[in-house]
Amino acid sequence: MDKYLGRLQEKLTAACAGMNTEELSHHSPGKWSAANILEHLYLTYTGTIKGFERCLEAGKPLARKPTLRDRVAVAYVLWLNHLPEGRKAPANTTPRGIEPEKVMQEIDQKIQAMGDLIDQCEAKFGDGIKLLDHPILGPLTASEWRKFHFLHGRHHARQIARLNAECHAHKKLEPTPAA
């Protein structure tokens, strides 16, 4: 597996370590829970899988020609390693209530499948070729897709780790039941 996608799996596993279903569902009012964040990531991986499957079925890259705006967005996110805060998730990646257990059970498989398809398209169409359009960044190469998913996942893994720490800090503050 690619180094970025392998590190992505490690970061998500570490962020969720020790969380049960109740803790995965904990959230502040108006904010996503860890389960919601994981479902959002899961949906981004399944969307990327579908896109790369379409590339293979078409027998060609499906990316349009990059615009200046695309180039600036890619530079900002992938070269400076920075994801802007507060951006609303595209509708197809907004959590819709998939069971947290299903997401937790399948997310590593989705990352692996996504990586395999990216690898296949890169092998078939070439290294450095814009393969598929990202909904916000525009056309990306295979390596840019991998790095995007790492940066995006790392961003959300940090949020999950904070929620995990909040849950465990709260547990430590709860009074011990009297015997």
C-alpha atoms as a PDB file:
ATOM      1  CA  MET A   1       0.000   0.000   0.000  1.00  0.00           C
ATOM      2  CA  ASP A   2       1.114   3.547  -0.720  1.00  0.00           C
ATOM      3  CA  LYS A   3       2.879   5.347   2.145  1.00  0.00           C
ATOM      4  CA  TYR A   4       0.194   8.040   2.357  1.00  0.00           C
ATOM      5  CA  LEU A   5      -2.700   5.599   2.509  1.00  0.00           C
ATOM      6  CA  GLY A   6      -0.863   3.369   4.995  1.00  0.00           C
ATOM      7  CA  ARG A   7      -0.255   6.375   7.245  1.00  0.00           C
ATOM      8  CA  LEU A   8      -3.898   7.357   6.823  1.00  0.00           C
ATOM      9  CA  GLN A   9      -5.013   3.980   8.175  1.00  0.00           C
ATOM     10  CA  GLU A  10      -2.595   4.307  11.110  1.00  0.00           C
ATOM     11  CA  LYS A  11      -3.841   7.789  12.012  1.00  0.00           C
ATOM     12  CA  LEU A  12      -7.502   6.779  11.917  1.00  0.00           C
ATOM     13  CA  THR A  13      -6.845   3.640  13.986  1.00  0.00           C
ATOM     14  CA  ALA A  14      -4.920   5.643  16.592  1.00  0.00           C
ATOM     15  CA  ALA A  15      -7.568   8.381  16.742  1.00  0.00           C
ATOM     16  CA  CYS A  16     -10.358   5.864  17.432  1.00  0.00           C
ATOM     17  CA  ALA A  17      -8.407   3.692  19.863  1.00  0.00           C
ATOM     18  CA  GLY A  18     -10.523   2.611  22.808  1.00  0.00           C
ATOM     19  CA  MET A  19     -13.748   4.279  21.618  1.00  0.00           C
ATOM     20  CA  ASN A  20     -16.996   2.371  22.027  1.00  0.00           C
ATOM     21  CA  THR A  21     -20.213   2.983  20.075  1.00  0.00           C
ATOM     22  CA  GLU A  22     -21.503   5.471  22.658  1.00  0.00           C
ATOM     23  CA  GLU A  23     -18.258   7.455  22.548  1.00  0.00           C
ATOM     24  CA  LEU A  24     -18.228   7.387  18.738  1.00  0.00           C
ATOM     25  CA  SER A  25     -21.700   8.973  18.829  1.00  0.00           C
ATOM     26  CA  HIS A  26     -20.810  11.726  21.340  1.00  0.00           C
ATOM     27  CA  HIS A  27     -20.806  15.264  19.909  1.00  0.00           C
ATOM     28  CA  SER A  28     -21.270  18.884  20.827  1.00  0.00           C
ATOM     29  CA  PRO A  29     -24.484  20.561  19.662  1.00  0.00           C
ATOM     30  CA  GLY A  30     -24.281  21.374  15.960  1.00  0.00           C
ATOM     31  CA  LYS A  31     -21.047  19.415  15.504  1.00  0.00           C
ATOM     32  CA  TRP A  32     -20.307  16.033  14.020  1.00  0.00           C
ATOM     33  CA  SER A  33     -19.553  13.034  16.213  1.00  0.00           C
ATOM     34  CA  ALA A  34     -16.573  10.775  15.588  1.00  0.00           C
ATOM     35  CA  ALA A  35     -19.021   8.365  13.927  1.00  0.00           C
ATOM     36  CA  ASN A  36     -20.198  11.166  11.612  1.00  0.00           C
ATOM     37  CA  ILE A  37     -16.610  12.088  10.745  1.00  0.00           C
ATOM     38  CA  LEU A  38     -15.729   8.460  10.007  1.00  0.00           C
ATOM     39  CA  GLU A  39     -18.838   8.094   7.853  1.00  0.00           C
ATOM     40  CA  HIS A  40     -17.871  11.273   5.963  1.00  0.00           C
ATOM     41  CA  LEU A  41     -14.417   9.809   5.294  1.00  0.00           C
ATOM     42  CA  TYR A  42     -15.944   6.445   4.333  1.00  0.00           C
ATOM     43  CA  LEU A  43     -18.192   8.220   1.819  1.00  0.00           C
ATOM     44  CA  THR A  44     -15.224  10.104   0.331  1.00  0.00           C
ATOM     45  CA  TYR A  45     -13.426   6.786  -0.155  1.00  0.00           C
ATOM     46  CA  THR A  46     -16.447   5.117  -1.766  1.00  0.00           C
ATOM     47  CA  GLY A  47     -16.882   8.151  -4.037  1.00  0.00           C
ATOM     48  CA  THR A  48     -13.243   8.004  -5.091  1.00  0.00           C
ATOM     49  CA  ILE A  49     -13.578   4.265  -5.709  1.00  0.00           C
ATOM     50  CA  LYS A  50     -16.563   4.874  -8.009  1.00  0.00           C
ATOM     51  CA  GLY A  51     -14.677   7.592  -9.886  1.00  0.00           C
ATOM     52  CA  PHE A  52     -11.627   5.433 -10.515  1.00  0.00           C
ATOM     53  CA  GLU A  53     -13.843   2.499 -11.521  1.00  0.00           C
ATOM     54  CA  ARG A  54     -15.409   4.814 -14.133  1.00  0.00           C
ATOM     55  CA  CYS A  55     -11.905   5.682 -15.414  1.00  0.00           C
ATOM     56  CA  LEU A  56     -11.063   2.015 -15.849  1.00  0.00           C
ATOM     57  CA  GLU A  57     -14.416   1.287 -17.526  1.00  0.00           C
ATOM     58  CA  ALA A  58     -13.954   4.235 -19.914  1.00  0.00           C
ATOM     59  CA  GLY A  59     -10.401   3.154 -20.654  1.00  0.00           C
ATOM     60  CA  LYS A  60      -9.138   6.713 -20.250  1.00  0.00           C
ATOM     61  CA  PRO A  61      -8.606   9.453 -17.660  1.00  0.00           C
ATOM     62  CA  LEU A  62     -11.773  11.432 -16.955  1.00  0.00           C
ATOM     63  CA  ALA A  63     -10.123  14.640 -15.740  1.00  0.00           C
ATOM     64  CA  ARG A  64     -10.781  17.934 -17.441  1.00  0.00           C
ATOM     65  CA  LYS A  65      -8.030  20.433 -18.158  1.00  0.00           C
ATOM     66  CA  PRO A  66      -6.944  22.233 -14.947  1.00  0.00           C
ATOM     67  CA  THR A  67      -7.823  25.918 -14.588  1.00  0.00           C
ATOM     68  CA  LEU A  68      -5.753  28.536 -12.795  1.00  0.00           C
ATOM     69  CA  ARG A  69      -8.149  28.238  -9.851  1.00  0.00           C
ATOM     70  CA  ASP A  70      -7.542  24.460  -9.767  1.00  0.00           C
ATOM     71  CA  ARG A  71      -3.775  24.960  -9.786  1.00  0.00           C
ATOM     72  CA  VAL A  72      -3.972  27.451  -6.917  1.00  0.00           C
ATOM     73  CA  ALA A  73      -6.232  25.130  -4.891  1.00  0.00           C
ATOM     74  CA  VAL A  74      -3.899  22.169  -5.449  1.00  0.00           C
ATOM     75  CA  ALA A  75      -0.866  24.257  -4.475  1.00  0.00           C
ATOM     76  CA  TYR A  76      -2.578  25.498  -1.315  1.00  0.00           C
ATOM     77  CA  VAL A  77      -3.761  22.087  -0.158  1.00  0.00           C
ATOM     78  CA  LEU A  78      -1.210  19.623  -1.514  1.00  0.00           C
ATOM     79  CA  TRP A  79       1.981  21.681  -1.582  1.00  0.00           C
ATOM     80  CA  LEU A  80       1.381  23.670   1.596  1.00  0.00           C
ATOM     81  CA  ASN A  81      -0.324  20.697   3.309  1.00  0.00           C
ATOM     82  CA  HIS A  82      -3.206  22.856   4.482  1.00  0.00           C
ATOM     83  CA  LEU A  83      -6.927  22.119   4.472  1.00  0.00           C
ATOM     84  CA  PRO A  84      -9.091  25.190   5.010  1.00  0.00           C
ATOM     85  CA  GLU A  85     -11.279  25.042   8.123  1.00  0.00           C
ATOM     86  CA  GLY A  86     -15.042  25.308   8.044  1.00  0.00           C
ATOM     87  CA  ARG A  87     -15.663  24.232   4.457  1.00  0.00           C
ATOM     88  CA  LYS A  88     -19.008  22.482   4.064  1.00  0.00           C
ATOM     89  CA  ALA A  89     -18.718  18.873   2.900  1.00  0.00           C
ATOM     90  CA  PRO A  90     -20.110  18.078  -0.550  1.00  0.00           C
ATOM     91  CA  ALA A  91     -23.630  16.627  -0.304  1.00  0.00           C
ATOM     92  CA  ASN A  92     -22.538  13.140  -1.387  1.00  0.00           C
ATOM     93  CA  THR A  93     -20.071  12.988   1.543  1.00  0.00           C
ATOM     94  CA  THR A  94     -22.424  14.274   4.243  1.00  0.00           C
ATOM     95  CA  PRO A  95     -23.185  11.622   6.881  1.00  0.00           C
ATOM     96  CA  ARG A  96     -26.541   9.931   6.364  1.00  0.00           C
ATOM     97  CA  GLY A  97     -26.661   7.493   9.250  1.00  0.00           C
ATOM     98  CA  ILE A  98     -24.644   4.449   8.246  1.00  0.00           C
ATOM     99  CA  GLU A  99     -24.161   2.337  11.361  1.00  0.00           C
ATOM    100  CA  PRO A 100     -20.839   3.213  13.083  1.00  0.00           C
ATOM    101  CA  GLU A 101     -20.030  -0.500  13.414  1.00  0.00           C
ATOM    102  CA  LYS A 102     -20.304  -0.966   9.629  1.00  0.00           C
ATOM    103  CA  VAL A 103     -18.082   2.050   8.965  1.00  0.00           C
ATOM    104  CA  MET A 104     -15.500   0.925  11.535  1.00  0.00           C
ATOM    105  CA  GLN A 105     -15.510  -2.604  10.108  1.00  0.00           C
ATOM    106  CA  GLU A 106     -15.176  -1.526   6.461  1.00  0.00           C
ATOM    107  CA  ILE A 107     -13.162   1.704   6.410  1.00  0.00           C
ATOM    108  CA  ASP A 108      -9.752   0.019   6.125  1.00  0.00           C
ATOM    109  CA  GLN A 109     -11.083  -2.151   3.287  1.00  0.00           C
ATOM    110  CA  LYS A 110     -12.353   0.970   1.482  1.00  0.00           C
ATOM    111  CA  ILE A 111      -8.955   2.658   1.833  1.00  0.00           C
ATOM    112  CA  GLN A 112      -7.274  -0.477   0.463  1.00  0.00           C
ATOM    113  CA  ALA A 113      -9.732  -0.769  -2.443  1.00  0.00           C
ATOM    114  CA  MET A 114      -9.334   2.928  -3.230  1.00  0.00           C
ATOM    115  CA  GLY A 115      -5.554   2.592  -3.207  1.00  0.00           C
ATOM    116  CA  ASP A 116      -5.691  -0.441  -5.480  1.00  0.00           C
ATOM    117  CA  LEU A 117      -7.875   1.371  -8.025  1.00  0.00           C
ATOM    118  CA  ILE A 118      -5.684   4.477  -7.959  1.00  0.00           C
ATOM    119  CA  ASP A 119      -2.654   2.224  -8.536  1.00  0.00           C
ATOM    120  CA  GLN A 120      -4.375   0.470 -11.452  1.00  0.00           C
ATOM    121  CA  CYS A 121      -5.281   3.753 -13.138  1.00  0.00           C
ATOM    122  CA  GLU A 122      -1.788   5.118 -12.613  1.00  0.00           C
ATOM    123  CA  ALA A 123      -0.270   1.961 -14.137  1.00  0.00           C
ATOM    124  CA  LYS A 124      -2.668   2.023 -17.071  1.00  0.00           C
ATOM    125  CA  PHE A 125      -2.679   5.743 -17.896  1.00  0.00           C
ATOM    126  CA  GLY A 126       0.689   6.924 -16.609  1.00  0.00           C
ATOM    127  CA  ASP A 127       2.402   8.629 -13.708  1.00  0.00           C
ATOM    128  CA  GLY A 128       1.746  12.362 -13.488  1.00  0.00           C
ATOM    129  CA  ILE A 129      -1.405  12.230 -15.640  1.00  0.00           C
ATOM    130  CA  LYS A 130      -4.485  14.046 -14.311  1.00  0.00           C
ATOM    131  CA  LEU A 131      -6.892  11.133 -13.898  1.00  0.00           C
ATOM    132  CA  LEU A 132     -10.062  12.303 -12.216  1.00  0.00           C
ATOM    133  CA  ASP A 133     -11.613  15.551 -10.996  1.00  0.00           C
ATOM    134  CA  HIS A 134     -11.880  16.231  -7.278  1.00  0.00           C
ATOM    135  CA  PRO A 135     -15.087  18.167  -6.524  1.00  0.00           C
ATOM    136  CA  ILE A 136     -13.183  21.084  -4.960  1.00  0.00           C
ATOM    137  CA  LEU A 137      -9.556  20.828  -6.111  1.00  0.00           C
ATOM    138  CA  GLY A 138     -10.245  19.888  -9.722  1.00  0.00           C
ATOM    139  CA  PRO A 139      -8.162  17.417 -11.768  1.00  0.00           C
ATOM    140  CA  LEU A 140      -5.670  15.343  -9.756  1.00  0.00           C
ATOM    141  CA  THR A 141      -2.977  12.793 -10.541  1.00  0.00           C
ATOM    142  CA  ALA A 142      -2.798   9.464  -8.712  1.00  0.00           C
ATOM    143  CA  SER A 143      -0.171  10.771  -6.277  1.00  0.00           C
ATOM    144  CA  GLU A 144      -2.219  13.916  -5.675  1.00  0.00           C
ATOM    145  CA  TRP A 145      -5.302  11.812  -4.892  1.00  0.00           C
ATOM    146  CA  ARG A 146      -3.313   9.754  -2.376  1.00  0.00           C
ATOM    147  CA  LYS A 147      -1.877  12.823  -0.687  1.00  0.00           C
ATOM    148  CA  PHE A 148      -5.262  14.552  -0.610  1.00  0.00           C
ATOM    149  CA  HIS A 149      -6.863  11.584   1.137  1.00  0.00           C
ATOM    150  CA  PHE A 150      -4.004  11.468   3.634  1.00  0.00           C
ATOM    151  CA  LEU A 151      -4.249  15.200   4.447  1.00  0.00           C
ATOM    152  CA  HIS A 152      -8.039  15.106   4.600  1.00  0.00           C
ATOM    153  CA  GLY A 153      -8.017  11.993   6.794  1.00  0.00           C
ATOM    154  CA  ARG A 154      -5.299  13.411   9.053  1.00  0.00           C
ATOM    155  CA  HIS A 155      -7.358  16.579   9.500  1.00  0.00           C
ATOM    156  CA  HIS A 156     -10.368  14.538  10.579  1.00  0.00           C
ATOM    157  CA  ALA A 157      -8.300  12.077  12.642  1.00  0.00           C
ATOM    158  CA  ARG A 158      -7.207  15.048  14.757  1.00  0.00           C
ATOM    159  CA  GLN A 159     -10.860  15.941  15.317  1.00  0.00           C
ATOM    160  CA  ILE A 160     -11.664  12.347  16.286  1.00  0.00           C
ATOM    161  CA  ALA A 161      -8.675  12.225  18.648  1.00  0.00           C
ATOM    162  CA  ARG A 162      -9.947  15.386  20.376  1.00  0.00           C
ATOM    163  CA  LEU A 163     -13.409  13.843  20.764  1.00  0.00           C
ATOM    164  CA  ASN A 164     -11.816  10.635  22.060  1.00  0.00           C
ATOM    165  CA  ALA A 165      -9.808  12.606  24.628  1.00  0.00           C
ATOM    166  CA  GLU A 166     -12.929  14.530  25.696  1.00  0.00           C
ATOM    167  CA  CYS A 167     -14.840  11.285  26.243  1.00  0.00           C
ATOM    168  CA  HIS A 168     -12.051   9.737  28.278  1.00  0.00           C
ATOM    169  CA  ALA A 169     -11.444  12.927  30.287  1.00  0.00           C
ATOM    170  CA  HIS A 170     -15.169  13.022  31.074  1.00  0.00           C
ATOM    171  CA  LYS A 171     -15.042   9.397  32.280  1.00  0.00           C
ATOM    172  CA  LYS A 172     -12.242  10.245  34.689  1.00  0.00           C
ATOM    173  CA  LEU A 173     -14.314  13.103  36.138  1.00  0.00           C
ATOM    174  CA  GLU A 174     -17.438  10.998  36.721  1.00  0.00           C
ATOM    175  CA  PRO A 175     -17.918  10.007  40.348  1.00  0.00           C
ATOM    176  CA  THR A 176     -17.382   6.395  41.210  1.00  0.00           C
ATOM    177  CA  PRO A 177     -20.684   4.729  42.139  1.00  0.00           C
ATOM    178  CA  ALA A 178     -21.062   4.044  45.848  1.00  0.00           C
ATOM    179  CA  ALA A 179     -20.895   0.404  46.874  1.00  0.00           C
END
